Amino acid sequence: MTVAKSNNANVQLLVCLVDPQDAITPDDSHYRFLVDGKYVKYVTTAPGTLAGEEMDWIFGPILLSELLPPFPPGKWNKGHVAKDPETGQAAFIETVTESLPGVEVECLWHPVRLNELDFAQVESVRQRVRIATHPELNDGKPVFLKLAVWPWEIAFAEAEMMAYELIHDKGVGPKFLGNLTEGKDGRVVGFITEWVQDARAAGPGDLESCRKALERLHELGIKHGDINKHNFLVREGHDVVLVDFETAKKCSPQELEDEMNALEENLNDPSFRGGVERICE
């Protein structure tokens, strides 16, 4: 079987999880693509399948035009690429249509559901996190999107969305604005919150303001679980907003006290633990 190359001009790379040692490890690489501007498809590549340099595997234009075979037509949503045993060239070995796991219905307490694909990206913070706009949300001003598209991310999204229900309108975290769907009527793959603009990560001098913010959370019986300084956003006037509730949960008074006692040490941590370097796209 001969596989003709194609530029896959109707395909866009959304995110990927690629092992830089792809050629010598037993793990597949994982890709998420958008086809024809409306169909999300997931593709895995077997180890050793892709040619070229390591950076080519994550650079959409080269990946799609030179390394991957033409995308097969049809409504499949999962595909696997490996070397064809006859030609030695990369080929789609399998395409299937499967029901992909999404956020469970009990976590969908907020009534708003918006298609992820209808947002216009303003900034990429990291692969799971974006700043974007939507014409029907927040008067068109930027909002914060957090995605959970891979199966192993779903549980973290569910935990965080349930935490947002507990702190809703309590002056603890950003305002929760709705759920993200994959496509118009697809599975829920994340959520939307207010974007805390013009804020900085907390430091040692913000101890009292951060203590008050953490106290508001603890009064609800909730432990944050990750009190690194980057999860305390300080706005003008020393107003502090807590973010990143993936590990938040109801806890005993002793656990809450232990977390509060660890706050000062975390604010004095000189490392970049918990921070992200924003990458504009």
Protein backbone atom coordinates (compact mmCIF):
# COMPACT_ATOMS: atom_id res chain seq x y z
CA MET A 1 0.00 0.00 0.00
CA THR A 2 1.40 3.41 -0.98
CA VAL A 3 0.47 6.39 1.15
CA ALA A 4 0.49 9.70 -0.70
CA LYS A 5 1.53 12.76 1.18
CA SER A 6 -0.95 15.56 1.67
CA ASN A 7 -0.74 18.96 3.27
CA ASN A 8 -3.91 18.24 5.28
CA ALA A 9 -4.85 21.86 4.62
CA ASN A 10 -8.20 21.48 6.37
CA VAL A 11 -6.61 20.23 9.60
CA GLN A 12 -5.37 22.29 12.56
CA LEU A 13 -3.27 21.03 15.45
CA LEU A 14 -4.91 21.99 18.75
CA VAL A 15 -2.79 20.30 21.44
CA CYS A 16 -0.38 17.41 21.72
CA LEU A 17 1.38 15.23 24.25
CA VAL A 18 4.63 14.07 22.69
CA ASP A 19 7.44 12.16 24.36
CA PRO A 20 10.77 13.63 23.15
CA GLN A 21 12.15 10.08 23.32
CA ASP A 22 9.36 8.84 21.05
CA ALA A 23 11.68 6.72 18.94
CA ILE A 24 12.97 4.63 21.83
CA THR A 25 10.07 4.45 24.33
CA PRO A 26 6.98 2.23 24.25
CA ASP A 27 4.48 5.08 24.64
CA ASP A 28 2.26 6.52 21.92
CA SER A 29 2.21 10.24 21.24
CA HIS A 30 -1.19 11.90 21.53
CA TYR A 31 -2.62 14.63 19.28
CA ARG A 32 -5.84 16.62 19.19
CA PHE A 33 -6.83 18.11 15.83
CA LEU A 34 -9.61 20.27 14.43
CA VAL A 35 -10.83 19.23 10.97
CA ASP A 36 -12.83 21.49 8.67
CA GLY A 37 -13.11 24.00 11.50
CA LYS A 38 -15.71 21.95 13.40
CA TYR A 39 -14.72 18.31 13.95
CA VAL A 40 -12.36 17.40 16.80
CA LYS A 41 -10.32 14.25 16.19
CA TYR A 42 -7.81 12.46 18.41
CA VAL A 43 -4.82 10.75 16.85
CA THR A 44 -2.12 8.61 18.42
CA THR A 45 1.17 7.80 16.73
CA ALA A 46 3.08 4.64 17.51
CA PRO A 47 6.68 5.01 18.77
CA GLY A 48 9.15 5.49 15.95
CA THR A 49 6.48 6.41 13.39
CA LEU A 50 7.30 10.06 12.82
CA ALA A 51 10.38 11.14 10.92
CA GLY A 52 12.10 14.51 11.19
CA GLU A 53 13.42 16.39 14.19
CA GLU A 54 11.73 16.26 17.59
CA MET A 55 10.43 19.84 17.25
CA ASP A 56 8.77 18.92 13.94
CA TRP A 57 6.47 16.54 15.83
CA ILE A 58 4.83 19.43 17.70
CA PHE A 59 4.97 22.08 14.96
CA GLY A 60 1.61 21.91 13.21
CA PRO A 61 2.58 23.01 9.67
CA ILE A 62 5.42 20.48 9.32
CA LEU A 63 3.62 17.74 11.23
CA LEU A 64 0.56 17.95 8.98
CA SER A 65 2.19 18.62 5.64
CA GLU A 66 5.25 16.39 5.83
CA LEU A 67 5.01 13.81 8.61
CA LEU A 68 1.41 12.63 8.93
CA PRO A 69 -0.48 10.83 6.14
CA PRO A 70 -3.68 12.31 4.69
CA PHE A 71 -6.55 12.29 7.18
CA PRO A 72 -9.17 9.75 6.09
CA PRO A 73 -12.65 11.11 5.37
CA GLY A 74 -15.60 10.29 7.58
CA LYS A 75 -16.94 11.08 11.02
CA TRP A 76 -14.39 9.09 13.04
CA ASN A 77 -13.05 10.77 16.17
CA LYS A 78 -10.10 8.51 17.10
CA GLY A 79 -7.33 7.37 14.81
CA HIS A 80 -4.02 5.55 15.14
CA VAL A 81 -0.99 6.13 12.92
CA ALA A 82 1.86 3.65 12.60
CA LYS A 83 4.31 2.50 9.94
CA ASP A 84 2.69 0.50 7.18
CA PRO A 85 4.34 -2.96 7.26
CA GLU A 86 4.61 -3.02 3.45
CA THR A 87 5.86 0.48 2.69
CA GLY A 88 7.41 1.54 5.98
CA GLN A 89 5.58 4.86 5.63
CA ALA A 90 3.30 6.46 8.24
CA ALA A 91 -0.31 5.44 7.64
CA PHE A 92 -3.65 5.53 9.41
CA ILE A 93 -3.92 1.95 10.65
CA GLU A 94 -7.28 2.47 12.36
CA THR A 95 -10.06 5.03 12.64
CA VAL A 96 -13.05 4.54 14.94
CA THR A 97 -15.94 6.48 16.41
CA GLU A 98 -16.15 6.22 20.18
CA SER A 99 -18.04 7.94 22.97
CA LEU A 100 -15.31 9.82 24.81
CA PRO A 101 -15.47 10.40 28.57
CA GLY A 102 -16.51 13.86 29.71
CA VAL A 103 -17.28 15.60 32.97
CA GLU A 104 -19.98 13.70 34.86
CA VAL A 105 -23.44 15.25 34.98
CA GLU A 106 -23.40 15.66 38.79
CA CYS A 107 -20.58 18.18 38.38
CA LEU A 108 -22.55 20.32 35.93
CA TRP A 109 -24.22 22.58 38.46
CA HIS A 110 -23.98 25.73 36.35
CA PRO A 111 -26.62 26.13 33.60
CA VAL A 112 -24.39 27.74 30.94
CA ARG A 113 -22.80 25.49 28.31
CA LEU A 114 -20.74 26.98 25.49
CA ASN A 115 -18.92 25.39 22.57
CA GLU A 116 -15.16 25.56 23.08
CA LEU A 117 -14.73 26.10 19.34
CA ASP A 118 -16.76 29.33 19.42
CA PHE A 119 -14.16 31.12 21.56
CA ALA A 120 -11.48 33.35 20.04
CA GLN A 121 -8.13 32.83 21.70
CA VAL A 122 -6.39 35.86 23.15
CA GLU A 123 -3.51 34.13 24.88
CA SER A 124 -2.27 30.60 25.58
CA VAL A 125 -1.10 30.14 29.16
CA ARG A 126 -0.42 26.43 28.71
CA GLN A 127 -2.08 23.65 26.73
CA ARG A 128 -4.97 23.25 29.16
CA VAL A 129 -5.38 26.93 29.97
CA ARG A 130 -6.32 29.82 27.70
CA ILE A 131 -7.49 33.39 27.80
CA ALA A 132 -10.24 33.89 25.23
CA THR A 133 -13.34 35.83 24.27
CA HIS A 134 -16.89 34.83 23.36
CA PRO A 135 -19.50 37.17 21.85
CA GLU A 136 -22.21 35.97 24.25
CA LEU A 137 -20.17 36.00 27.44
CA ASN A 138 -18.83 38.70 29.76
CA ASP A 139 -19.73 41.47 27.28
CA GLY A 140 -17.12 40.08 24.91
CA LYS A 141 -14.29 40.72 27.38
CA PRO A 142 -11.57 38.08 27.95
CA VAL A 143 -12.36 35.10 30.16
CA PHE A 144 -10.37 32.15 31.51
CA LEU A 145 -10.79 28.66 29.99
CA LYS A 146 -9.54 25.46 31.58
CA LEU A 147 -9.76 22.28 29.52
CA ALA A 148 -9.71 18.57 30.33
CA VAL A 149 -9.61 16.83 26.97
CA TRP A 150 -7.52 13.75 27.83
CA PRO A 151 -9.22 11.01 29.91
CA TRP A 152 -6.75 11.33 32.78
CA GLU A 153 -7.58 15.05 33.18
CA ILE A 154 -11.32 14.62 33.67
CA ALA A 155 -11.16 13.82 37.40
CA PHE A 156 -9.18 17.00 38.11
CA ALA A 157 -11.73 19.09 36.21
CA GLU A 158 -14.61 17.48 38.09
CA ALA A 159 -12.97 18.16 41.46
CA GLU A 160 -12.35 21.78 40.58
CA MET A 161 -15.85 22.35 39.21
CA MET A 162 -17.39 20.94 42.38
CA ALA A 163 -15.13 23.19 44.46
CA TYR A 164 -16.39 26.18 42.47
CA GLU A 165 -19.94 25.21 43.36
CA LEU A 166 -19.04 25.29 47.05
CA ILE A 167 -17.36 28.71 46.85
CA HIS A 168 -19.85 30.27 44.41
CA ASP A 169 -20.63 33.89 45.42
CA LYS A 170 -18.52 33.55 48.58
CA GLY A 171 -15.81 36.04 47.56
CA VAL A 172 -13.08 33.40 47.49
CA GLY A 173 -12.21 32.72 43.84
CA PRO A 174 -12.98 34.02 40.35
CA LYS A 175 -16.59 34.03 39.24
CA PHE A 176 -17.59 30.75 37.58
CA LEU A 177 -19.17 31.50 34.19
CA GLY A 178 -20.08 28.14 32.67
CA ASN A 179 -19.14 24.80 31.17
CA LEU A 180 -17.18 24.10 27.97
CA THR A 181 -18.41 21.55 25.46
CA GLU A 182 -16.43 19.89 22.68
CA GLY A 183 -18.45 20.98 19.69
CA LYS A 184 -22.03 22.23 19.73
CA ASP A 185 -23.58 19.31 21.60
CA GLY A 186 -20.47 17.39 22.61
CA ARG A 187 -19.12 16.20 25.91
CA VAL A 188 -18.19 18.71 28.62
CA VAL A 189 -14.42 19.18 28.58
CA GLY A 190 -13.82 22.05 30.96
CA PHE A 191 -15.12 25.29 32.37
CA ILE A 192 -15.01 29.07 32.12
CA THR A 193 -14.27 31.59 34.87
CA GLU A 194 -13.64 35.26 35.22
CA TRP A 195 -10.12 36.24 34.17
CA VAL A 196 -8.39 37.97 37.05
CA GLN A 197 -6.77 40.83 35.18
CA ASP A 198 -4.03 43.16 36.37
CA ALA A 199 -3.03 40.80 39.17
CA ARG A 200 0.31 39.43 40.34
CA ALA A 201 1.42 36.40 42.30
CA ALA A 202 1.57 36.96 46.05
CA GLY A 203 4.81 37.40 47.96
CA PRO A 204 5.99 37.59 51.58
CA GLY A 205 4.63 41.11 51.96
CA ASP A 206 1.10 39.91 51.19
CA LEU A 207 0.89 37.51 54.12
CA GLU A 208 -2.02 39.16 55.92
CA SER A 209 -4.09 39.66 52.78
CA CYS A 210 -3.48 36.05 51.76
CA ARG A 211 -4.34 34.85 55.26
CA LYS A 212 -7.70 36.60 55.04
CA ALA A 213 -8.39 35.06 51.62
CA LEU A 214 -7.51 31.59 52.88
CA GLU A 215 -9.65 32.14 55.98
CA ARG A 216 -12.67 32.78 53.77
CA LEU A 217 -12.10 29.40 52.13
CA HIS A 218 -11.50 27.65 55.45
CA GLU A 219 -14.73 29.10 56.89
CA LEU A 220 -16.48 26.91 54.32
CA GLY A 221 -14.60 23.88 55.66
CA ILE A 222 -12.53 23.61 52.47
CA LYS A 223 -8.79 23.03 52.25
CA HIS A 224 -7.21 24.46 49.11
CA GLY A 225 -4.53 21.78 48.86
CA ASP A 226 -1.98 23.76 46.82
CA ILE A 227 -1.17 27.07 48.51
CA ASN A 228 1.84 28.01 46.42
CA LYS A 229 2.19 31.78 45.98
CA HIS A 230 1.02 31.68 42.35
CA ASN A 231 -2.43 30.55 43.48
CA PHE A 232 -2.91 33.81 45.41
CA LEU A 233 -3.52 36.59 42.88
CA VAL A 234 -3.12 40.09 44.29
CA ARG A 235 -5.03 42.93 42.69
CA GLU A 236 -4.77 46.65 43.28
CA GLY A 237 -5.63 47.48 46.87
CA HIS A 238 -4.19 44.14 48.04
CA ASP A 239 -7.42 42.30 47.24
CA VAL A 240 -6.48 38.60 46.98
CA VAL A 241 -8.26 36.03 44.81
CA LEU A 242 -7.58 32.31 45.20
CA VAL A 243 -7.31 30.20 42.05
CA ASP A 244 -6.62 26.59 40.98
CA PHE A 245 -8.95 24.40 43.04
CA GLU A 246 -8.06 21.02 41.50
CA THR A 247 -7.03 19.61 44.90
CA ALA A 248 -9.55 21.50 47.04
CA LYS A 249 -11.73 19.39 49.32
CA LYS A 250 -13.69 19.36 52.57
CA CYS A 251 -11.31 18.68 55.45
CA SER A 252 -11.07 18.46 59.22
CA PRO A 253 -10.32 21.56 61.36
CA GLN A 254 -6.83 20.21 62.04
CA GLU A 255 -6.04 19.94 58.32
CA LEU A 256 -7.27 23.50 57.78
CA GLU A 257 -5.08 24.73 60.63
CA ASP A 258 -2.07 22.90 59.20
CA GLU A 259 -2.63 24.52 55.82
CA MET A 260 -2.87 27.98 57.37
CA ASN A 261 0.33 27.38 59.34
CA ALA A 262 2.14 26.52 56.10
CA LEU A 263 1.07 29.72 54.33
CA GLU A 264 4.00 31.94 55.32
CA GLU A 265 6.55 29.35 54.21
CA ASN A 266 4.85 29.02 50.83
CA LEU A 267 4.79 32.78 50.26
CA ASN A 268 8.52 32.91 51.02
CA ASP A 269 9.36 30.12 48.58
CA PRO A 270 11.81 31.63 46.04
CA SER A 271 11.18 28.94 43.43
CA PHE A 272 8.78 29.16 40.48
CA ARG A 273 6.80 26.16 41.75
CA GLY A 274 3.21 26.40 40.62
CA GLY A 275 3.86 29.28 38.22
CA VAL A 276 3.51 29.28 34.48
CA GLU A 277 5.28 31.20 31.77
CA ARG A 278 2.62 32.46 29.40
CA ILE A 279 3.15 31.74 25.73
CA CYS A 280 1.24 33.86 23.26
CA GLU A 281 0.08 32.15 20.10
